[in-house]
Amino acid sequence: MLDQQPNPQTENGYTMIANELLEALALLHLPTNEWQVVLVVIRKTYGFKKKVDRIANFQIMNSTGLGKEVVSRALHNLHKKRVITRDGKFIGINKDYSQWKLAKQLTNKLAELLTELAESSTKVSSPHVTQKKKETIQNKDIYIGDGKNGKDRQSAERPRTGGKTNVRRSIGAPLR
């Protein structure tokens, strides 16, 4: 059919789809492979006036040119996103688009979580304050050993010299 000169006519067949569903599909952000599979599912179901149909992976492969693994992965992802319904080989479009798990919904949820995190964290008033806090942390005394004698104490400001090895660490660095 695609080898012929393009001349699409509704007299040669058409796929009837509800405008509401088509508009919901227009808002759907999917990878190209998944879009190709969605279009084949629409063609194989609504194109034959069916809600679901038995569609084998090889039919989708032949219609799209995609490989077996790609088709399987796309069907799995579309089912997980609830864009299609599957019952064995019976596949159809999920008309209840409110159930579709869209990337936009996930992005909105992530934005909400980031906003909550930002509101709960301590806010710094200026870069100067940040630098002061950093210097304070770096200059804190670090205790190594059991802390029972003064020789175990190490300071980042006044490194000890003498018989023992000089130990200079920042907070959070691993012990060697």
N, C-alpha and C. Protein backbone atom coordinates (compact mmCIF):
# COMPACT_ATOMS: atom_id res chain seq x y z
N MET A 1 0.82 -1.20 0.00
CA MET A 1 0.00 0.00 0.00
C MET A 1 0.86 1.25 0.00
N LEU A 2 1.96 1.27 0.78
CA LEU A 2 2.82 2.45 0.83
C LEU A 2 3.72 2.54 -0.39
N ASP A 3 3.78 1.48 -1.23
CA ASP A 3 4.60 1.50 -2.44
C ASP A 3 3.93 2.29 -3.55
N GLN A 4 2.63 2.52 -3.44
CA GLN A 4 1.88 3.24 -4.46
C GLN A 4 2.08 4.74 -4.31
N GLN A 5 1.67 5.48 -5.32
CA GLN A 5 1.69 6.93 -5.28
C GLN A 5 0.72 7.40 -4.19
N PRO A 6 1.14 8.29 -3.27
CA PRO A 6 0.25 8.75 -2.20
C PRO A 6 -1.01 9.42 -2.74
N ASN A 7 -2.16 8.95 -2.29
CA ASN A 7 -3.44 9.52 -2.68
C ASN A 7 -4.48 9.09 -1.65
N PRO A 8 -4.32 9.53 -0.36
CA PRO A 8 -5.26 9.08 0.66
C PRO A 8 -6.67 9.63 0.42
N GLN A 9 -7.63 8.73 0.47
CA GLN A 9 -9.04 9.07 0.30
C GLN A 9 -9.84 8.32 1.36
N THR A 10 -10.81 8.97 1.97
CA THR A 10 -11.64 8.29 2.97
C THR A 10 -12.42 7.14 2.34
N GLU A 11 -12.65 7.19 1.02
CA GLU A 11 -13.35 6.10 0.35
C GLU A 11 -12.53 4.81 0.41
N ASN A 12 -11.22 4.94 0.59
CA ASN A 12 -10.34 3.77 0.66
C ASN A 12 -10.18 3.27 2.10
N GLY A 13 -10.89 3.87 3.02
CA GLY A 13 -10.83 3.46 4.41
C GLY A 13 -10.37 4.61 5.30
N TYR A 14 -10.85 4.58 6.51
CA TYR A 14 -10.46 5.60 7.49
C TYR A 14 -10.63 5.03 8.88
N THR A 15 -10.02 5.67 9.83
CA THR A 15 -10.10 5.25 11.22
C THR A 15 -10.87 6.29 11.99
N MET A 16 -12.02 5.90 12.52
CA MET A 16 -12.86 6.82 13.27
C MET A 16 -12.40 6.81 14.73
N ILE A 17 -12.13 8.00 15.23
CA ILE A 17 -11.68 8.13 16.62
C ILE A 17 -12.35 9.37 17.22
N ALA A 18 -12.74 9.28 18.45
CA ALA A 18 -13.41 10.41 19.12
C ALA A 18 -12.46 11.60 19.23
N ASN A 19 -12.98 12.78 18.97
CA ASN A 19 -12.16 14.00 19.05
C ASN A 19 -11.53 14.17 20.43
N GLU A 20 -12.29 13.86 21.48
CA GLU A 20 -11.79 14.01 22.84
C GLU A 20 -10.56 13.14 23.07
N LEU A 21 -10.62 11.91 22.57
CA LEU A 21 -9.48 11.00 22.71
C LEU A 21 -8.30 11.48 21.86
N LEU A 22 -8.58 11.96 20.67
CA LEU A 22 -7.53 12.46 19.79
C LEU A 22 -6.83 13.67 20.40
N GLU A 23 -7.60 14.54 21.05
CA GLU A 23 -7.02 15.71 21.72
C GLU A 23 -6.18 15.30 22.92
N ALA A 24 -6.62 14.27 23.65
CA ALA A 24 -5.82 13.76 24.77
C ALA A 24 -4.51 13.15 24.25
N LEU A 25 -4.60 12.43 23.12
CA LEU A 25 -3.40 11.86 22.52
C LEU A 25 -2.43 12.94 22.06
N ALA A 26 -2.98 14.07 21.59
CA ALA A 26 -2.12 15.17 21.14
C ALA A 26 -1.28 15.74 22.27
N LEU A 27 -1.76 15.63 23.50
CA LEU A 27 -1.02 16.13 24.66
C LEU A 27 -0.03 15.10 25.23
N LEU A 28 -0.07 13.91 24.67
CA LEU A 28 0.74 12.80 25.18
C LEU A 28 2.18 12.92 24.69
N HIS A 29 3.12 12.93 25.62
CA HIS A 29 4.54 12.99 25.29
C HIS A 29 5.12 11.60 25.45
N LEU A 30 5.41 10.97 24.32
CA LEU A 30 5.93 9.60 24.33
C LEU A 30 7.17 9.52 23.44
N PRO A 31 8.05 8.56 23.71
CA PRO A 31 9.15 8.30 22.78
C PRO A 31 8.59 7.87 21.42
N THR A 32 9.36 8.08 20.38
CA THR A 32 8.92 7.78 19.01
C THR A 32 8.44 6.35 18.85
N ASN A 33 9.19 5.39 19.38
CA ASN A 33 8.80 3.98 19.24
C ASN A 33 7.44 3.71 19.85
N GLU A 34 7.17 4.29 21.01
CA GLU A 34 5.89 4.10 21.66
C GLU A 34 4.77 4.74 20.86
N TRP A 35 5.05 5.91 20.26
CA TRP A 35 4.04 6.57 19.43
C TRP A 35 3.67 5.70 18.24
N GLN A 36 4.68 5.09 17.62
CA GLN A 36 4.42 4.23 16.48
C GLN A 36 3.52 3.06 16.88
N VAL A 37 3.78 2.49 18.02
CA VAL A 37 2.97 1.37 18.51
C VAL A 37 1.54 1.84 18.81
N VAL A 38 1.38 2.99 19.43
CA VAL A 38 0.05 3.53 19.71
C VAL A 38 -0.74 3.70 18.41
N LEU A 39 -0.10 4.25 17.40
CA LEU A 39 -0.80 4.45 16.12
C LEU A 39 -1.22 3.13 15.48
N VAL A 40 -0.36 2.11 15.58
CA VAL A 40 -0.73 0.80 15.03
C VAL A 40 -1.89 0.20 15.82
N VAL A 41 -1.86 0.34 17.13
CA VAL A 41 -2.96 -0.18 17.96
C VAL A 41 -4.27 0.52 17.59
N ILE A 42 -4.23 1.82 17.39
CA ILE A 42 -5.43 2.56 16.98
C ILE A 42 -5.91 2.05 15.62
N ARG A 43 -4.98 1.88 14.69
CA ARG A 43 -5.35 1.41 13.35
C ARG A 43 -5.94 0.01 13.38
N LYS A 44 -5.34 -0.87 14.19
CA LYS A 44 -5.79 -2.27 14.23
C LYS A 44 -7.07 -2.46 15.05
N THR A 45 -7.42 -1.49 15.86
CA THR A 45 -8.66 -1.60 16.65
C THR A 45 -9.73 -0.67 16.06
N TYR A 46 -9.61 0.62 16.27
CA TYR A 46 -10.63 1.55 15.79
C TYR A 46 -10.76 1.52 14.26
N GLY A 47 -9.68 1.20 13.58
CA GLY A 47 -9.73 1.11 12.12
C GLY A 47 -10.62 -0.02 11.64
N PHE A 48 -10.87 -1.00 12.50
CA PHE A 48 -11.77 -2.11 12.18
C PHE A 48 -13.02 -2.08 13.07
N LYS A 49 -13.29 -0.90 13.63
CA LYS A 49 -14.47 -0.67 14.48
C LYS A 49 -14.52 -1.61 15.68
N LYS A 50 -13.34 -1.80 16.31
CA LYS A 50 -13.23 -2.64 17.50
C LYS A 50 -12.60 -1.82 18.63
N LYS A 51 -12.93 -2.18 19.86
CA LYS A 51 -12.31 -1.53 21.02
C LYS A 51 -10.98 -2.19 21.35
N VAL A 52 -10.92 -3.50 21.24
CA VAL A 52 -9.69 -4.26 21.43
C VAL A 52 -9.60 -5.30 20.31
N ASP A 53 -8.40 -5.76 20.07
CA ASP A 53 -8.23 -6.81 19.07
C ASP A 53 -7.00 -7.62 19.43
N ARG A 54 -6.98 -8.80 18.87
CA ARG A 54 -5.83 -9.67 19.06
C ARG A 54 -4.75 -9.20 18.10
N ILE A 55 -3.71 -8.58 18.65
CA ILE A 55 -2.64 -8.02 17.84
C ILE A 55 -1.33 -8.68 18.25
N ALA A 56 -0.73 -9.39 17.35
CA ALA A 56 0.55 -10.04 17.62
C ALA A 56 1.69 -9.03 17.43
N ASN A 57 2.77 -9.26 18.15
CA ASN A 57 3.93 -8.36 18.04
C ASN A 57 4.43 -8.26 16.60
N PHE A 58 4.39 -9.39 15.86
CA PHE A 58 4.92 -9.35 14.49
C PHE A 58 4.08 -8.43 13.60
N GLN A 59 2.76 -8.28 13.90
CA GLN A 59 1.93 -7.35 13.13
C GLN A 59 2.42 -5.91 13.36
N ILE A 60 2.73 -5.61 14.61
CA ILE A 60 3.25 -4.27 14.94
C ILE A 60 4.62 -4.08 14.31
N MET A 61 5.44 -5.12 14.35
CA MET A 61 6.76 -5.06 13.72
C MET A 61 6.64 -4.77 12.23
N ASN A 62 5.73 -5.46 11.55
CA ASN A 62 5.55 -5.27 10.11
C ASN A 62 5.02 -3.87 9.79
N SER A 63 4.17 -3.34 10.65
CA SER A 63 3.59 -2.01 10.40
C SER A 63 4.54 -0.87 10.69
N THR A 64 5.47 -1.09 11.63
CA THR A 64 6.34 0.00 12.08
C THR A 64 7.78 -0.13 11.60
N GLY A 65 8.20 -1.35 11.32
CA GLY A 65 9.61 -1.57 10.99
C GLY A 65 10.49 -1.69 12.21
N LEU A 66 9.87 -1.72 13.39
CA LEU A 66 10.63 -1.85 14.64
C LEU A 66 10.98 -3.31 14.88
N GLY A 67 12.04 -3.55 15.66
CA GLY A 67 12.46 -4.90 16.01
C GLY A 67 11.58 -5.49 17.09
N LYS A 68 11.72 -6.80 17.27
CA LYS A 68 10.89 -7.55 18.22
C LYS A 68 11.04 -7.02 19.65
N GLU A 69 12.29 -6.81 20.07
CA GLU A 69 12.54 -6.33 21.44
C GLU A 69 12.00 -4.93 21.65
N VAL A 70 12.14 -4.10 20.62
CA VAL A 70 11.66 -2.71 20.72
C VAL A 70 10.13 -2.69 20.85
N VAL A 71 9.46 -3.52 20.07
CA VAL A 71 7.99 -3.59 20.14
C VAL A 71 7.56 -4.10 21.51
N SER A 72 8.21 -5.15 21.99
CA SER A 72 7.86 -5.70 23.31
C SER A 72 8.05 -4.66 24.41
N ARG A 73 9.17 -3.94 24.35
CA ARG A 73 9.46 -2.91 25.36
C ARG A 73 8.44 -1.78 25.27
N ALA A 74 8.11 -1.37 24.05
CA ALA A 74 7.14 -0.28 23.87
C ALA A 74 5.77 -0.68 24.41
N LEU A 75 5.33 -1.91 24.10
CA LEU A 75 4.04 -2.39 24.62
C LEU A 75 4.05 -2.44 26.14
N HIS A 76 5.15 -2.92 26.70
CA HIS A 76 5.27 -2.99 28.16
C HIS A 76 5.18 -1.58 28.78
N ASN A 77 5.92 -0.64 28.21
CA ASN A 77 5.92 0.73 28.74
C ASN A 77 4.55 1.40 28.59
N LEU A 78 3.91 1.18 27.45
CA LEU A 78 2.58 1.77 27.24
C LEU A 78 1.55 1.18 28.20
N HIS A 79 1.67 -0.10 28.47
CA HIS A 79 0.76 -0.75 29.43
C HIS A 79 1.04 -0.22 30.83
N LYS A 80 2.31 -0.06 31.17
CA LYS A 80 2.69 0.46 32.48
C LYS A 80 2.19 1.90 32.65
N LYS A 81 2.20 2.67 31.58
CA LYS A 81 1.70 4.05 31.62
C LYS A 81 0.18 4.10 31.50
N ARG A 82 -0.43 2.95 31.32
CA ARG A 82 -1.88 2.80 31.19
C ARG A 82 -2.47 3.49 29.95
N VAL A 83 -1.65 3.65 28.92
CA VAL A 83 -2.13 4.22 27.67
C VAL A 83 -2.86 3.14 26.88
N ILE A 84 -2.39 1.90 26.98
CA ILE A 84 -3.07 0.78 26.33
C ILE A 84 -3.54 -0.21 27.38
N THR A 85 -4.52 -1.03 26.98
CA THR A 85 -4.97 -2.13 27.83
C THR A 85 -4.46 -3.42 27.20
N ARG A 86 -4.12 -4.37 28.02
CA ARG A 86 -3.63 -5.66 27.52
C ARG A 86 -4.27 -6.78 28.31
N ASP A 87 -4.72 -7.76 27.58
CA ASP A 87 -5.19 -9.00 28.18
C ASP A 87 -4.68 -10.10 27.27
N GLY A 88 -3.48 -10.57 27.55
CA GLY A 88 -2.83 -11.51 26.65
C GLY A 88 -2.47 -10.79 25.36
N LYS A 89 -2.92 -11.33 24.24
CA LYS A 89 -2.67 -10.68 22.94
C LYS A 89 -3.73 -9.65 22.59
N PHE A 90 -4.78 -9.55 23.40
CA PHE A 90 -5.82 -8.56 23.14
C PHE A 90 -5.36 -7.20 23.65
N ILE A 91 -5.24 -6.28 22.72
CA ILE A 91 -4.69 -4.95 23.02
C ILE A 91 -5.68 -3.90 22.54
N GLY A 92 -5.77 -2.80 23.29
CA GLY A 92 -6.61 -1.67 22.89
C GLY A 92 -6.12 -0.40 23.55
N ILE A 93 -6.68 0.70 23.13
CA ILE A 93 -6.35 2.00 23.73
C ILE A 93 -7.21 2.18 24.98
N ASN A 94 -6.60 2.64 26.05
CA ASN A 94 -7.34 2.96 27.28
C ASN A 94 -8.03 4.31 27.06
N LYS A 95 -9.34 4.28 26.85
CA LYS A 95 -10.08 5.50 26.57
C LYS A 95 -10.15 6.45 27.76
N ASP A 96 -9.97 5.92 28.96
CA ASP A 96 -10.01 6.77 30.16
C ASP A 96 -8.63 7.41 30.33
N TYR A 97 -8.40 8.49 29.60
CA TYR A 97 -7.08 9.12 29.58
C TYR A 97 -6.70 9.75 30.92
N SER A 98 -7.66 9.87 31.84
CA SER A 98 -7.31 10.37 33.18
C SER A 98 -6.44 9.35 33.92
N GLN A 99 -6.45 8.10 33.48
CA GLN A 99 -5.63 7.06 34.10
C GLN A 99 -4.22 7.02 33.53
N TRP A 100 -3.99 7.68 32.41
CA TRP A 100 -2.67 7.64 31.79
C TRP A 100 -1.65 8.24 32.73
N LYS A 101 -0.54 7.57 32.90
CA LYS A 101 0.54 8.09 33.74
C LYS A 101 1.52 8.81 32.82
N LEU A 102 1.39 10.11 32.80
CA LEU A 102 2.17 10.92 31.88
C LEU A 102 3.42 11.46 32.54
N ALA A 103 4.41 11.74 31.72
CA ALA A 103 5.64 12.35 32.21
C ALA A 103 5.34 13.70 32.85
N LYS A 104 4.35 14.42 32.34
CA LYS A 104 3.99 15.72 32.90
C LYS A 104 3.51 15.57 34.34
N GLN A 105 2.71 14.52 34.59
CA GLN A 105 2.23 14.28 35.95
C GLN A 105 3.40 13.96 36.87
N LEU A 106 4.35 13.16 36.37
CA LEU A 106 5.52 12.81 37.18
C LEU A 106 6.38 14.04 37.42
N THR A 107 6.51 14.90 36.41
CA THR A 107 7.29 16.13 36.55
C THR A 107 6.64 17.05 37.58
N ASN A 108 5.31 17.16 37.55
CA ASN A 108 4.60 17.99 38.53
C ASN A 108 4.81 17.45 39.94
N LYS A 109 4.77 16.13 40.10
CA LYS A 109 4.97 15.52 41.41
C LYS A 109 6.39 15.79 41.90
N LEU A 110 7.38 15.68 40.99
CA LEU A 110 8.77 15.97 41.34
C LEU A 110 8.92 17.44 41.74
N ALA A 111 8.28 18.34 41.02
CA ALA A 111 8.35 19.77 41.34
C ALA A 111 7.76 20.03 42.73
N GLU A 112 6.65 19.36 43.05
CA GLU A 112 6.05 19.52 44.39
C GLU A 112 7.01 19.05 45.47
N LEU A 113 7.65 17.90 45.24
CA LEU A 113 8.59 17.37 46.23
C LEU A 113 9.79 18.31 46.40
N LEU A 114 10.30 18.85 45.31
CA LEU A 114 11.43 19.78 45.39
C LEU A 114 11.03 21.07 46.12
N THR A 115 9.81 21.53 45.91
CA THR A 115 9.33 22.72 46.60
C THR A 115 9.25 22.46 48.10
N GLU A 116 8.71 21.30 48.47
CA GLU A 116 8.64 20.95 49.89
C GLU A 116 10.04 20.87 50.51
N LEU A 117 10.97 20.29 49.78
CA LEU A 117 12.35 20.17 50.27
C LEU A 117 12.97 21.55 50.45
N ALA A 118 12.76 22.42 49.48
CA ALA A 118 13.32 23.76 49.56
C ALA A 118 12.74 24.55 50.74
N GLU A 119 11.45 24.39 50.99
CA GLU A 119 10.81 25.10 52.09
C GLU A 119 11.26 24.58 53.45
N SER A 120 11.59 23.31 53.51
CA SER A 120 11.99 22.74 54.79
C SER A 120 13.47 22.92 55.08
N SER A 121 14.26 23.27 54.08
CA SER A 121 15.70 23.42 54.29
C SER A 121 16.02 24.81 54.85
N THR A 122 17.19 24.95 55.43
CA THR A 122 17.62 26.23 55.97
C THR A 122 18.01 27.14 54.82
N LYS A 123 17.50 28.36 54.86
CA LYS A 123 17.82 29.32 53.82
C LYS A 123 19.00 30.17 54.26
N VAL A 124 19.93 30.42 53.35
CA VAL A 124 21.12 31.23 53.63
C VAL A 124 20.87 32.63 53.10
N SER A 125 21.22 33.63 53.91
CA SER A 125 20.90 34.99 53.53
C SER A 125 21.86 35.59 52.51
N SER A 126 23.14 35.18 52.52
CA SER A 126 24.08 35.76 51.57
C SER A 126 25.25 34.81 51.34
N PRO A 127 26.01 35.04 50.26
CA PRO A 127 27.20 34.22 50.02
C PRO A 127 28.23 34.38 51.14
N HIS A 128 28.28 35.56 51.76
CA HIS A 128 29.21 35.81 52.86
C HIS A 128 28.92 34.86 54.03
N VAL A 129 27.64 34.70 54.36
CA VAL A 129 27.24 33.80 55.44
C VAL A 129 27.63 32.37 55.09
N THR A 130 27.43 31.99 53.84
CA THR A 130 27.80 30.64 53.40
C THR A 130 29.29 30.42 53.56
N GLN A 131 30.10 31.40 53.17
CA GLN A 131 31.55 31.29 53.30
C GLN A 131 31.96 31.18 54.76
N LYS A 132 31.33 31.96 55.64
CA LYS A 132 31.63 31.91 57.07
C LYS A 132 31.31 30.52 57.64
N LYS A 133 30.16 29.96 57.26
CA LYS A 133 29.80 28.64 57.74
C LYS A 133 30.80 27.60 57.26
N LYS A 134 31.24 27.74 56.01
CA LYS A 134 32.21 26.81 55.45
C LYS A 134 33.52 26.90 56.22
N GLU A 135 33.99 28.12 56.49
CA GLU A 135 35.24 28.30 57.24
C GLU A 135 35.10 27.75 58.66
N THR A 136 33.95 27.96 59.28
CA THR A 136 33.71 27.45 60.64
C THR A 136 33.81 25.93 60.66
N ILE A 137 33.20 25.29 59.68
CA ILE A 137 33.24 23.83 59.61
C ILE A 137 34.67 23.36 59.38
N GLN A 138 35.41 24.03 58.50
CA GLN A 138 36.77 23.61 58.19
C GLN A 138 37.71 23.82 59.37
N ASN A 139 37.44 24.82 60.20
CA ASN A 139 38.33 25.14 61.31
C ASN A 139 37.96 24.44 62.61
N LYS A 140 36.93 23.62 62.60
CA LYS A 140 36.54 22.91 63.82
C LYS A 140 37.65 21.95 64.23
N ASP A 141 37.80 21.80 65.54
CA ASP A 141 38.76 20.84 66.06
C ASP A 141 38.25 19.44 65.78
N ILE A 142 39.15 18.58 65.39
CA ILE A 142 38.81 17.20 65.09
C ILE A 142 39.50 16.33 66.12
N TYR A 143 38.76 15.43 66.73
CA TYR A 143 39.30 14.55 67.74
C TYR A 143 39.53 13.17 67.14
N ILE A 144 40.75 12.70 67.29
CA ILE A 144 41.11 11.37 66.82
C ILE A 144 41.61 10.59 68.03
N GLY A 145 41.14 9.39 68.18
CA GLY A 145 41.54 8.60 69.33
C GLY A 145 40.42 8.56 70.34
N ASP A 146 40.79 8.25 71.58
CA ASP A 146 39.76 8.11 72.59
C ASP A 146 39.40 9.43 73.26
N GLY A 147 40.18 10.49 72.99
CA GLY A 147 39.87 11.80 73.53
C GLY A 147 40.21 11.97 74.99
N LYS A 148 40.93 10.99 75.59
CA LYS A 148 41.22 11.07 77.02
C LYS A 148 42.44 11.93 77.31
N ASN A 149 43.32 12.08 76.34
CA ASN A 149 44.46 12.95 76.60
C ASN A 149 44.55 14.03 75.53
N GLY A 150 45.25 15.08 75.82
CA GLY A 150 45.34 16.23 74.94
C GLY A 150 46.08 15.95 73.65
N LYS A 151 46.86 14.87 73.63
CA LYS A 151 47.64 14.58 72.44
C LYS A 151 46.78 14.06 71.29
N ASP A 152 45.58 13.61 71.60
CA ASP A 152 44.70 13.10 70.55
C ASP A 152 44.00 14.21 69.79
N ARG A 153 44.08 15.41 70.29
CA ARG A 153 43.34 16.51 69.68
C ARG A 153 44.13 17.08 68.51
N GLN A 154 43.44 17.28 67.39
CA GLN A 154 44.04 17.87 66.19
C GLN A 154 43.22 19.09 65.79
N SER A 155 43.89 20.11 65.40
CA SER A 155 43.19 21.31 64.95
C SER A 155 43.57 21.60 63.52
N ALA A 156 42.60 21.97 62.71
CA ALA A 156 42.87 22.32 61.33
C ALA A 156 43.63 23.63 61.24
N GLU A 157 43.51 24.50 62.28
CA GLU A 157 44.21 25.78 62.26
C GLU A 157 45.66 25.63 62.69
N ARG A 158 45.91 24.77 63.68
CA ARG A 158 47.27 24.61 64.21
C ARG A 158 47.66 23.14 64.12
N PRO A 159 48.13 22.70 62.94
CA PRO A 159 48.51 21.31 62.83
C PRO A 159 49.68 21.00 63.75
N ARG A 160 49.66 19.82 64.36
CA ARG A 160 50.69 19.41 65.30
C ARG A 160 51.89 18.89 64.51
N THR A 161 53.04 19.20 64.98
CA THR A 161 54.26 18.65 64.40
C THR A 161 54.98 17.91 65.51
N GLY A 162 55.90 17.10 65.16
CA GLY A 162 56.62 16.37 66.18
C GLY A 162 56.72 14.92 65.84
N GLY A 163 56.75 14.07 66.87
CA GLY A 163 56.98 12.65 66.70
C GLY A 163 55.91 11.93 65.90
N LYS A 164 54.66 12.28 66.10
CA LYS A 164 53.58 11.59 65.40
C LYS A 164 53.33 12.26 64.05
N THR A 165 52.69 11.51 63.16
CA THR A 165 52.37 12.04 61.84
C THR A 165 51.33 13.15 61.98
N ASN A 166 51.52 14.20 61.20
CA ASN A 166 50.58 15.30 61.20
C ASN A 166 49.26 14.82 60.57
N VAL A 167 48.17 14.97 61.30
CA VAL A 167 46.86 14.56 60.80
C VAL A 167 46.04 15.81 60.57
N ARG A 168 45.68 16.01 59.30
CA ARG A 168 44.83 17.15 58.97
C ARG A 168 43.71 16.64 58.08
N ARG A 169 42.48 16.71 58.59
CA ARG A 169 41.33 16.18 57.88
C ARG A 169 40.22 17.20 57.87
N SER A 170 39.40 17.11 56.87
CA SER A 170 38.17 17.90 56.90
C SER A 170 37.06 16.98 57.38
N ILE A 171 36.01 17.56 57.89
CA ILE A 171 34.90 16.77 58.40
C ILE A 171 34.28 16.01 57.24
N GLY A 172 34.03 14.74 57.45
CA GLY A 172 33.40 13.91 56.43
C GLY A 172 34.42 13.14 55.60
N ALA A 173 35.71 13.44 55.71
CA ALA A 173 36.69 12.70 54.93
C ALA A 173 36.92 11.34 55.57
N PRO A 174 37.19 10.32 54.77
CA PRO A 174 37.37 8.98 55.33
C PRO A 174 38.67 8.88 56.09
N LEU A 175 38.69 8.04 57.12
CA LEU A 175 39.92 7.77 57.85
C LEU A 175 40.83 6.89 57.03
N ARG A 176 42.15 7.10 57.17
CA ARG A 176 43.09 6.28 56.41
C ARG A 176 43.82 5.34 57.31
